[in-house]
Amino acid sequence: RRVLEIGTFTGYSALSMAEALPAGGELVSCDVDPKTGE
């Protein structure tokens, strides 16, 4: 229900994991690059 990610890049892994989280689940994704974060 809660996932933590170190390294977002363009969000592929975050999207993949979010698709499997239940409604109300949360994924916190950390990165330093505002361009790829956007």
PDB file of all heavy atoms in Angstrom:
ATOM      1  N   ARG A   1       0.821  -1.203   0.000  1.00  0.00           N
ATOM      2  CA  ARG A   1       0.000   0.000   0.000  1.00  0.00           C
ATOM      3  C   ARG A   1       0.860   1.261   0.000  1.00  0.00           C
ATOM      4  O   ARG A   1       0.419   2.307  -0.452  1.00  0.00           O
ATOM      5  CB  ARG A   1      -0.947   0.019   1.195  1.00  0.00           C
ATOM      6  CG  ARG A   1      -1.980  -1.098   1.189  1.00  0.00           C
ATOM      7  CD  ARG A   1      -3.053  -0.861   2.245  1.00  0.00           C
ATOM      8  NE  ARG A   1      -3.794   0.366   1.976  1.00  0.00           N
ATOM      9  CZ  ARG A   1      -4.838   0.438   1.153  1.00  0.00           C
ATOM     10  NH1 ARG A   1      -5.273  -0.650   0.515  1.00  0.00           N
ATOM     11  NH2 ARG A   1      -5.468   1.596   0.969  1.00  0.00           N
ATOM     12  N   ARG A   2       2.087   1.145   0.522  1.00  0.00           N
ATOM     13  CA  ARG A   2       3.022   2.274   0.513  1.00  0.00           C
ATOM     14  C   ARG A   2       4.323   1.817  -0.129  1.00  0.00           C
ATOM     15  O   ARG A   2       4.921   0.820   0.279  1.00  0.00           O
ATOM     16  CB  ARG A   2       3.306   2.794   1.923  1.00  0.00           C
ATOM     17  CG  ARG A   2       2.143   3.462   2.612  1.00  0.00           C
ATOM     18  CD  ARG A   2       2.628   4.152   3.895  1.00  0.00           C
ATOM     19  NE  ARG A   2       3.281   5.434   3.620  1.00  0.00           N
ATOM     20  CZ  ARG A   2       4.217   5.981   4.388  1.00  0.00           C
ATOM     21  NH1 ARG A   2       4.676   5.322   5.452  1.00  0.00           N
ATOM     22  NH2 ARG A   2       4.729   7.164   4.096  1.00  0.00           N
ATOM     23  N   VAL A   3       4.762   2.559  -1.139  1.00  0.00           N
ATOM     24  CA  VAL A   3       5.980   2.249  -1.886  1.00  0.00           C
ATOM     25  C   VAL A   3       6.879   3.470  -1.870  1.00  0.00           C
ATOM     26  O   VAL A   3       6.406   4.613  -1.985  1.00  0.00           O
ATOM     27  CB  VAL A   3       5.649   1.835  -3.336  1.00  0.00           C
ATOM     28  CG1 VAL A   3       6.922   1.681  -4.166  1.00  0.00           C
ATOM     29  CG2 VAL A   3       4.838   0.544  -3.356  1.00  0.00           C
ATOM     30  N   LEU A   4       8.169   3.230  -1.739  1.00  0.00           N
ATOM     31  CA  LEU A   4       9.180   4.291  -1.764  1.00  0.00           C
ATOM     32  C   LEU A   4      10.137   4.012  -2.914  1.00  0.00           C
ATOM     33  O   LEU A   4      10.600   2.882  -3.078  1.00  0.00           O
ATOM     34  CB  LEU A   4       9.942   4.309  -0.430  1.00  0.00           C
ATOM     35  CG  LEU A   4      11.147   5.238  -0.304  1.00  0.00           C
ATOM     36  CD1 LEU A   4      10.757   6.690  -0.517  1.00  0.00           C
ATOM     37  CD2 LEU A   4      11.800   5.039   1.063  1.00  0.00           C
ATOM     38  N   GLU A   5      10.423   5.033  -3.687  1.00  0.00           N
ATOM     39  CA  GLU A   5      11.327   4.890  -4.830  1.00  0.00           C
ATOM     40  C   GLU A   5      12.445   5.925  -4.728  1.00  0.00           C
ATOM     41  O   GLU A   5      12.183   7.111  -4.515  1.00  0.00           O
ATOM     42  CB  GLU A   5      10.561   5.078  -6.131  1.00  0.00           C
ATOM     43  CG  GLU A   5      11.438   5.030  -7.380  1.00  0.00           C
ATOM     44  CD  GLU A   5      10.645   5.157  -8.664  1.00  0.00           C
ATOM     45  OE1 GLU A   5       9.933   6.166  -8.834  1.00  0.00           O
ATOM     46  OE2 GLU A   5      10.746   4.245  -9.498  1.00  0.00           O
ATOM     47  N   ILE A   6      13.689   5.463  -4.899  1.00  0.00           N
ATOM     48  CA  ILE A   6      14.844   6.357  -4.958  1.00  0.00           C
ATOM     49  C   ILE A   6      15.319   6.384  -6.398  1.00  0.00           C
ATOM     50  O   ILE A   6      15.927   5.428  -6.889  1.00  0.00           O
ATOM     51  CB  ILE A   6      15.986   5.872  -4.030  1.00  0.00           C
ATOM     52  CG1 ILE A   6      15.453   5.492  -2.645  1.00  0.00           C
ATOM     53  CG2 ILE A   6      17.060   6.938  -3.939  1.00  0.00           C
ATOM     54  CD1 ILE A   6      14.791   6.608  -1.897  1.00  0.00           C
ATOM     55  N   GLY A   7      15.033   7.469  -7.097  1.00  0.00           N
ATOM     56  CA  GLY A   7      15.389   7.595  -8.510  1.00  0.00           C
ATOM     57  C   GLY A   7      14.166   7.515  -9.397  1.00  0.00           C
ATOM     58  O   GLY A   7      13.715   6.423  -9.748  1.00  0.00           O
ATOM     59  N   THR A   8      13.625   8.654  -9.784  1.00  0.00           N
ATOM     60  CA  THR A   8      12.406   8.692 -10.599  1.00  0.00           C
ATOM     61  C   THR A   8      12.697   8.591 -12.081  1.00  0.00           C
ATOM     62  O   THR A   8      11.988   7.918 -12.824  1.00  0.00           O
ATOM     63  CB  THR A   8      11.639  10.008 -10.341  1.00  0.00           C
ATOM     64  OG1 THR A   8      11.478  10.215  -8.946  1.00  0.00           O
ATOM     65  CG2 THR A   8      10.274   9.984 -11.025  1.00  0.00           C
ATOM     66  N   PHE A   9      13.725   9.296 -12.540  1.00  0.00           N
ATOM     67  CA  PHE A   9      14.020   9.522 -13.952  1.00  0.00           C
ATOM     68  C   PHE A   9      12.754  10.035 -14.635  1.00  0.00           C
ATOM     69  O   PHE A   9      12.147  10.997 -14.147  1.00  0.00           O
ATOM     70  CB  PHE A   9      14.600   8.269 -14.608  1.00  0.00           C
ATOM     71  CG  PHE A   9      15.209   8.497 -15.971  1.00  0.00           C
ATOM     72  CD1 PHE A   9      15.994   9.610 -16.216  1.00  0.00           C
ATOM     73  CD2 PHE A   9      15.000   7.610 -17.013  1.00  0.00           C
ATOM     74  CE1 PHE A   9      16.558   9.843 -17.463  1.00  0.00           C
ATOM     75  CE2 PHE A   9      15.560   7.822 -18.270  1.00  0.00           C
ATOM     76  CZ  PHE A   9      16.329   8.941 -18.497  1.00  0.00           C
ATOM     77  N   THR A  10      12.272   9.417 -15.703  1.00  0.00           N
ATOM     78  CA  THR A  10      11.071   9.932 -16.372  1.00  0.00           C
ATOM     79  C   THR A  10       9.788   9.254 -15.885  1.00  0.00           C
ATOM     80  O   THR A  10       8.723   9.475 -16.460  1.00  0.00           O
ATOM     81  CB  THR A  10      11.176   9.782 -17.902  1.00  0.00           C
ATOM     82  OG1 THR A  10      11.387   8.401 -18.235  1.00  0.00           O
ATOM     83  CG2 THR A  10      12.320  10.619 -18.454  1.00  0.00           C
ATOM     84  N   GLY A  11       9.892   8.449 -14.852  1.00  0.00           N
ATOM     85  CA  GLY A  11       8.681   7.956 -14.197  1.00  0.00           C
ATOM     86  C   GLY A  11       8.180   6.599 -14.621  1.00  0.00           C
ATOM     87  O   GLY A  11       7.095   6.178 -14.203  1.00  0.00           O
ATOM     88  N   TYR A  12       8.971   5.858 -15.423  1.00  0.00           N
ATOM     89  CA  TYR A  12       8.473   4.567 -15.907  1.00  0.00           C
ATOM     90  C   TYR A  12       8.236   3.589 -14.759  1.00  0.00           C
ATOM     91  O   TYR A  12       7.180   2.948 -14.689  1.00  0.00           O
ATOM     92  CB  TYR A  12       9.451   3.959 -16.914  1.00  0.00           C
ATOM     93  CG  TYR A  12       8.880   2.777 -17.662  1.00  0.00           C
ATOM     94  CD1 TYR A  12       8.379   2.922 -18.948  1.00  0.00           C
ATOM     95  CD2 TYR A  12       8.829   1.507 -17.091  1.00  0.00           C
ATOM     96  CE1 TYR A  12       7.845   1.844 -19.639  1.00  0.00           C
ATOM     97  CE2 TYR A  12       8.294   0.425 -17.767  1.00  0.00           C
ATOM     98  CZ  TYR A  12       7.809   0.603 -19.033  1.00  0.00           C
ATOM     99  OH  TYR A  12       7.267  -0.470 -19.711  1.00  0.00           O
ATOM    100  N   SER A  13       9.200   3.447 -13.868  1.00  0.00           N
ATOM    101  CA  SER A  13       9.035   2.495 -12.766  1.00  0.00           C
ATOM    102  C   SER A  13       7.940   2.950 -11.814  1.00  0.00           C
ATOM    103  O   SER A  13       7.169   2.128 -11.291  1.00  0.00           O
ATOM    104  CB  SER A  13      10.356   2.305 -12.021  1.00  0.00           C
ATOM    105  OG  SER A  13      10.928   3.548 -11.666  1.00  0.00           O
ATOM    106  N   ALA A  14       7.844   4.260 -11.572  1.00  0.00           N
ATOM    107  CA  ALA A  14       6.784   4.782 -10.707  1.00  0.00           C
ATOM    108  C   ALA A  14       5.415   4.460 -11.299  1.00  0.00           C
ATOM    109  O   ALA A  14       4.493   4.028 -10.581  1.00  0.00           O
ATOM    110  CB  ALA A  14       6.939   6.283 -10.512  1.00  0.00           C
ATOM    111  N   LEU A  15       5.259   4.674 -12.591  1.00  0.00           N
ATOM    112  CA  LEU A  15       3.991   4.366 -13.255  1.00  0.00           C
ATOM    113  C   LEU A  15       3.687   2.875 -13.162  1.00  0.00           C
ATOM    114  O   LEU A  15       2.548   2.478 -12.847  1.00  0.00           O
ATOM    115  CB  LEU A  15       4.057   4.800 -14.722  1.00  0.00           C
ATOM    116  CG  LEU A  15       2.854   4.434 -15.587  1.00  0.00           C
ATOM    117  CD1 LEU A  15       1.578   5.096 -15.068  1.00  0.00           C
ATOM    118  CD2 LEU A  15       3.112   4.839 -17.039  1.00  0.00           C
ATOM    119  N   SER A  16       4.693   2.039 -13.414  1.00  0.00           N
ATOM    120  CA  SER A  16       4.489   0.589 -13.372  1.00  0.00           C
ATOM    121  C   SER A  16       4.007   0.145 -11.992  1.00  0.00           C
ATOM    122  O   SER A  16       3.080  -0.659 -11.876  1.00  0.00           O
ATOM    123  CB  SER A  16       5.794  -0.140 -13.726  1.00  0.00           C
ATOM    124  OG  SER A  16       6.215   0.176 -15.037  1.00  0.00           O
ATOM    125  N   MET A  17       4.650   0.657 -10.943  1.00  0.00           N
ATOM    126  CA  MET A  17       4.267   0.245  -9.593  1.00  0.00           C
ATOM    127  C   MET A  17       2.936   0.845  -9.173  1.00  0.00           C
ATOM    128  O   MET A  17       2.121   0.176  -8.515  1.00  0.00           O
ATOM    129  CB  MET A  17       5.373   0.625  -8.605  1.00  0.00           C
ATOM    130  CG  MET A  17       6.651  -0.183  -8.811  1.00  0.00           C
ATOM    131  SD  MET A  17       7.927   0.098  -7.550  1.00  0.00           S
ATOM    132  CE  MET A  17       8.515   1.721  -8.037  1.00  0.00           C
ATOM    133  N   ALA A  18       2.676   2.097  -9.569  1.00  0.00           N
ATOM    134  CA  ALA A  18       1.401   2.726  -9.225  1.00  0.00           C
ATOM    135  C   ALA A  18       0.227   1.965  -9.830  1.00  0.00           C
ATOM    136  O   ALA A  18      -0.852   1.892  -9.214  1.00  0.00           O
ATOM    137  CB  ALA A  18       1.393   4.180  -9.698  1.00  0.00           C
ATOM    138  N   GLU A  19       0.436   1.403 -11.019  1.00  0.00           N
ATOM    139  CA  GLU A  19      -0.643   0.642 -11.665  1.00  0.00           C
ATOM    140  C   GLU A  19      -1.057  -0.568 -10.837  1.00  0.00           C
ATOM    141  O   GLU A  19      -2.187  -1.045 -10.960  1.00  0.00           O
ATOM    142  CB  GLU A  19      -0.206   0.203 -13.062  1.00  0.00           C
ATOM    143  CG  GLU A  19      -0.097   1.357 -14.055  1.00  0.00           C
ATOM    144  CD  GLU A  19       0.515   0.947 -15.390  1.00  0.00           C
ATOM    145  OE1 GLU A  19       1.105  -0.150 -15.481  1.00  0.00           O
ATOM    146  OE2 GLU A  19       0.396   1.726 -16.344  1.00  0.00           O
ATOM    147  N   ALA A  20      -0.152  -1.065  -9.992  1.00  0.00           N
ATOM    148  CA  ALA A  20      -0.451  -2.248  -9.178  1.00  0.00           C
ATOM    149  C   ALA A  20      -0.897  -1.891  -7.770  1.00  0.00           C
ATOM    150  O   ALA A  20      -1.366  -2.769  -7.032  1.00  0.00           O
ATOM    151  CB  ALA A  20       0.778  -3.163  -9.106  1.00  0.00           C
ATOM    152  N   LEU A  21      -0.759  -0.633  -7.375  1.00  0.00           N
ATOM    153  CA  LEU A  21      -1.191  -0.231  -6.040  1.00  0.00           C
ATOM    154  C   LEU A  21      -2.713  -0.165  -5.967  1.00  0.00           C
ATOM    155  O   LEU A  21      -3.381   0.214  -6.937  1.00  0.00           O
ATOM    156  CB  LEU A  21      -0.620   1.149  -5.689  1.00  0.00           C
ATOM    157  CG  LEU A  21       0.822   1.215  -5.217  1.00  0.00           C
ATOM    158  CD1 LEU A  21       1.268   2.677  -5.110  1.00  0.00           C
ATOM    159  CD2 LEU A  21       0.986   0.517  -3.872  1.00  0.00           C
ATOM    160  N   PRO A  22      -3.290  -0.498  -4.811  1.00  0.00           N
ATOM    161  CA  PRO A  22      -4.743  -0.410  -4.674  1.00  0.00           C
ATOM    162  C   PRO A  22      -5.188   1.050  -4.568  1.00  0.00           C
ATOM    163  O   PRO A  22      -4.362   1.957  -4.367  1.00  0.00           O
ATOM    164  CB  PRO A  22      -5.003  -1.146  -3.359  1.00  0.00           C
ATOM    165  CG  PRO A  22      -3.752  -0.945  -2.571  1.00  0.00           C
ATOM    166  CD  PRO A  22      -2.632  -0.970  -3.575  1.00  0.00           C
ATOM    167  N   ALA A  23      -6.467   1.283  -4.694  1.00  0.00           N
ATOM    168  CA  ALA A  23      -7.004   2.620  -4.468  1.00  0.00           C
ATOM    169  C   ALA A  23      -6.632   3.065  -3.061  1.00  0.00           C
ATOM    170  O   ALA A  23      -6.732   2.299  -2.109  1.00  0.00           O
ATOM    171  CB  ALA A  23      -8.520   2.604  -4.634  1.00  0.00           C
ATOM    172  N   GLY A  24      -6.146   4.292  -2.950  1.00  0.00           N
ATOM    173  CA  GLY A  24      -5.686   4.786  -1.662  1.00  0.00           C
ATOM    174  C   GLY A  24      -4.236   4.485  -1.383  1.00  0.00           C
ATOM    175  O   GLY A  24      -3.701   4.927  -0.362  1.00  0.00           O
ATOM    176  N   GLY A  25      -3.570   3.727  -2.262  1.00  0.00           N
ATOM    177  CA  GLY A  25      -2.154   3.447  -2.095  1.00  0.00           C
ATOM    178  C   GLY A  25      -1.319   4.686  -2.373  1.00  0.00           C
ATOM    179  O   GLY A  25      -1.781   5.650  -3.004  1.00  0.00           O
ATOM    180  N   GLU A  26      -0.074   4.657  -1.927  1.00  0.00           N
ATOM    181  CA  GLU A  26       0.809   5.816  -2.062  1.00  0.00           C
ATOM    182  C   GLU A  26       2.197   5.375  -2.500  1.00  0.00           C
ATOM    183  O   GLU A  26       2.724   4.384  -1.994  1.00  0.00           O
ATOM    184  CB  GLU A  26       0.926   6.546  -0.719  1.00  0.00           C
ATOM    185  CG  GLU A  26       1.881   7.732  -0.741  1.00  0.00           C
ATOM    186  CD  GLU A  26       2.180   8.283   0.647  1.00  0.00           C
ATOM    187  OE1 GLU A  26       2.360   7.470   1.589  1.00  0.00           O
ATOM    188  OE2 GLU A  26       2.235   9.501   0.794  1.00  0.00           O
ATOM    189  N   LEU A  27       2.760   6.127  -3.425  1.00  0.00           N
ATOM    190  CA  LEU A  27       4.136   5.910  -3.860  1.00  0.00           C
ATOM    191  C   LEU A  27       4.877   7.238  -3.752  1.00  0.00           C
ATOM    192  O   LEU A  27       4.475   8.229  -4.355  1.00  0.00           O
ATOM    193  CB  LEU A  27       4.180   5.389  -5.297  1.00  0.00           C
ATOM    194  CG  LEU A  27       5.529   4.889  -5.822  1.00  0.00           C
ATOM    195  CD1 LEU A  27       5.324   3.871  -6.942  1.00  0.00           C
ATOM    196  CD2 LEU A  27       6.423   6.024  -6.331  1.00  0.00           C
ATOM    197  N   VAL A  28       5.937   7.266  -2.960  1.00  0.00           N
ATOM    198  CA  VAL A  28       6.794   8.441  -2.831  1.00  0.00           C
ATOM    199  C   VAL A  28       8.040   8.210  -3.667  1.00  0.00           C
ATOM    200  O   VAL A  28       8.765   7.232  -3.449  1.00  0.00           O
ATOM    201  CB  VAL A  28       7.184   8.694  -1.359  1.00  0.00           C
ATOM    202  CG1 VAL A  28       8.100   9.909  -1.261  1.00  0.00           C
ATOM    203  CG2 VAL A  28       5.945   8.882  -0.498  1.00  0.00           C
ATOM    204  N   SER A  29       8.278   9.085  -4.640  1.00  0.00           N
ATOM    205  CA  SER A  29       9.410   8.917  -5.560  1.00  0.00           C
ATOM    206  C   SER A  29      10.337  10.114  -5.449  1.00  0.00           C
ATOM    207  O   SER A  29       9.909  11.264  -5.569  1.00  0.00           O
ATOM    208  CB  SER A  29       8.912   8.769  -6.999  1.00  0.00           C
ATOM    209  OG  SER A  29       9.973   8.480  -7.880  1.00  0.00           O
ATOM    210  N   CYS A  30      11.628   9.832  -5.216  1.00  0.00           N
ATOM    211  CA  CYS A  30      12.630  10.871  -4.941  1.00  0.00           C
ATOM    212  C   CYS A  30      13.605  11.027  -6.110  1.00  0.00           C
ATOM    213  O   CYS A  30      14.114  10.029  -6.625  1.00  0.00           O
ATOM    214  CB  CYS A  30      13.432  10.510  -3.690  1.00  0.00           C
ATOM    215  SG  CYS A  30      12.435  10.115  -2.235  1.00  0.00           S
ATOM    216  N   ASP A  31      13.873  12.271  -6.492  1.00  0.00           N
ATOM    217  CA  ASP A  31      14.858  12.525  -7.544  1.00  0.00           C
ATOM    218  C   ASP A  31      15.351  13.961  -7.411  1.00  0.00           C
ATOM    219  O   ASP A  31      14.739  14.780  -6.708  1.00  0.00           O
ATOM    220  CB  ASP A  31      14.254  12.288  -8.927  1.00  0.00           C
ATOM    221  CG  ASP A  31      15.299  11.889  -9.962  1.00  0.00           C
ATOM    222  OD1 ASP A  31      16.175  12.715 -10.272  1.00  0.00           O
ATOM    223  OD2 ASP A  31      15.247  10.743 -10.450  1.00  0.00           O
ATOM    224  N   VAL A  32      16.460  14.268  -8.090  1.00  0.00           N
ATOM    225  CA  VAL A  32      17.037  15.610  -8.012  1.00  0.00           C
ATOM    226  C   VAL A  32      16.888  16.392  -9.320  1.00  0.00           C
ATOM    227  O   VAL A  32      17.211  17.580  -9.353  1.00  0.00           O
ATOM    228  CB  VAL A  32      18.534  15.560  -7.638  1.00  0.00           C
ATOM    229  CG1 VAL A  32      18.718  15.024  -6.240  1.00  0.00           C
ATOM    230  CG2 VAL A  32      19.328  14.731  -8.649  1.00  0.00           C
ATOM    231  N   ASP A  33      16.418  15.748 -10.383  1.00  0.00           N
ATOM    232  CA  ASP A  33      16.404  16.382 -11.703  1.00  0.00           C
ATOM    233  C   ASP A  33      15.015  16.947 -12.006  1.00  0.00           C
ATOM    234  O   ASP A  33      14.081  16.185 -12.264  1.00  0.00           O
ATOM    235  CB  ASP A  33      16.805  15.359 -12.771  1.00  0.00           C
ATOM    236  CG  ASP A  33      17.028  15.993 -14.135  1.00  0.00           C
ATOM    237  OD1 ASP A  33      16.429  17.053 -14.415  1.00  0.00           O
ATOM    238  OD2 ASP A  33      17.792  15.430 -14.935  1.00  0.00           O
ATOM    239  N   PRO A  34      14.855  18.277 -12.005  1.00  0.00           N
ATOM    240  CA  PRO A  34      13.519  18.841 -12.265  1.00  0.00           C
ATOM    241  C   PRO A  34      13.036  18.603 -13.687  1.00  0.00           C
ATOM    242  O   PRO A  34      11.822  18.504 -13.921  1.00  0.00           O
ATOM    243  CB  PRO A  34      13.703  20.335 -11.982  1.00  0.00           C
ATOM    244  CG  PRO A  34      15.169  20.584 -12.119  1.00  0.00           C
ATOM    245  CD  PRO A  34      15.847  19.323 -11.708  1.00  0.00           C
ATOM    246  N   LYS A  35      13.960  18.490 -14.645  1.00  0.00           N
ATOM    247  CA  LYS A  35      13.547  18.306 -16.045  1.00  0.00           C
ATOM    248  C   LYS A  35      12.892  16.942 -16.244  1.00  0.00           C
ATOM    249  O   LYS A  35      11.789  16.850 -16.788  1.00  0.00           O
ATOM    250  CB  LYS A  35      14.751  18.460 -16.967  1.00  0.00           C
ATOM    251  CG  LYS A  35      14.393  18.343 -18.445  1.00  0.00           C
ATOM    252  CD  LYS A  35      15.599  18.582 -19.338  1.00  0.00           C
ATOM    253  CE  LYS A  35      15.242  18.438 -20.811  1.00  0.00           C
ATOM    254  NZ  LYS A  35      16.431  18.655 -21.690  1.00  0.00           N
ATOM    255  N   THR A  36      13.561  15.879 -15.801  1.00  0.00           N
ATOM    256  CA  THR A  36      12.955  14.555 -15.960  1.00  0.00           C
ATOM    257  C   THR A  36      11.771  14.392 -15.001  1.00  0.00           C
ATOM    258  O   THR A  36      10.815  13.672 -15.309  1.00  0.00           O
ATOM    259  CB  THR A  36      13.981  13.435 -15.712  1.00  0.00           C
ATOM    260  OG1 THR A  36      14.617  13.632 -14.441  1.00  0.00           O
ATOM    261  CG2 THR A  36      15.042  13.432 -16.806  1.00  0.00           C
ATOM    262  N   GLY A  37      11.816  15.084 -13.865  1.00  0.00           N
ATOM    263  CA  GLY A  37      10.681  15.045 -12.952  1.00  0.00           C
ATOM    264  C   GLY A  37       9.419  15.625 -13.574  1.00  0.00           C
ATOM    265  O   GLY A  37       8.315  15.120 -13.359  1.00  0.00           O
ATOM    266  N   GLU A  38       9.596  16.676 -14.381  1.00  0.00           N
ATOM    267  CA  GLU A  38       8.449  17.280 -15.067  1.00  0.00           C
ATOM    268  C   GLU A  38       7.870  16.305 -16.088  1.00  0.00           C
ATOM    269  O   GLU A  38       6.645  16.215 -16.244  1.00  0.00           O
ATOM    270  CB  GLU A  38       8.894  18.580 -15.749  1.00  0.00           C
ATOM    271  CG  GLU A  38       7.759  19.414 -16.313  1.00  0.00           C
ATOM    272  CD  GLU A  38       7.280  18.947 -17.687  1.00  0.00           C
ATOM    273  OE1 GLU A  38       8.113  18.417 -18.443  1.00  0.00           O
ATOM    274  OE2 GLU A  38       6.081  19.110 -17.991  1.00  0.00           O
TER     275      GLU A  38
END
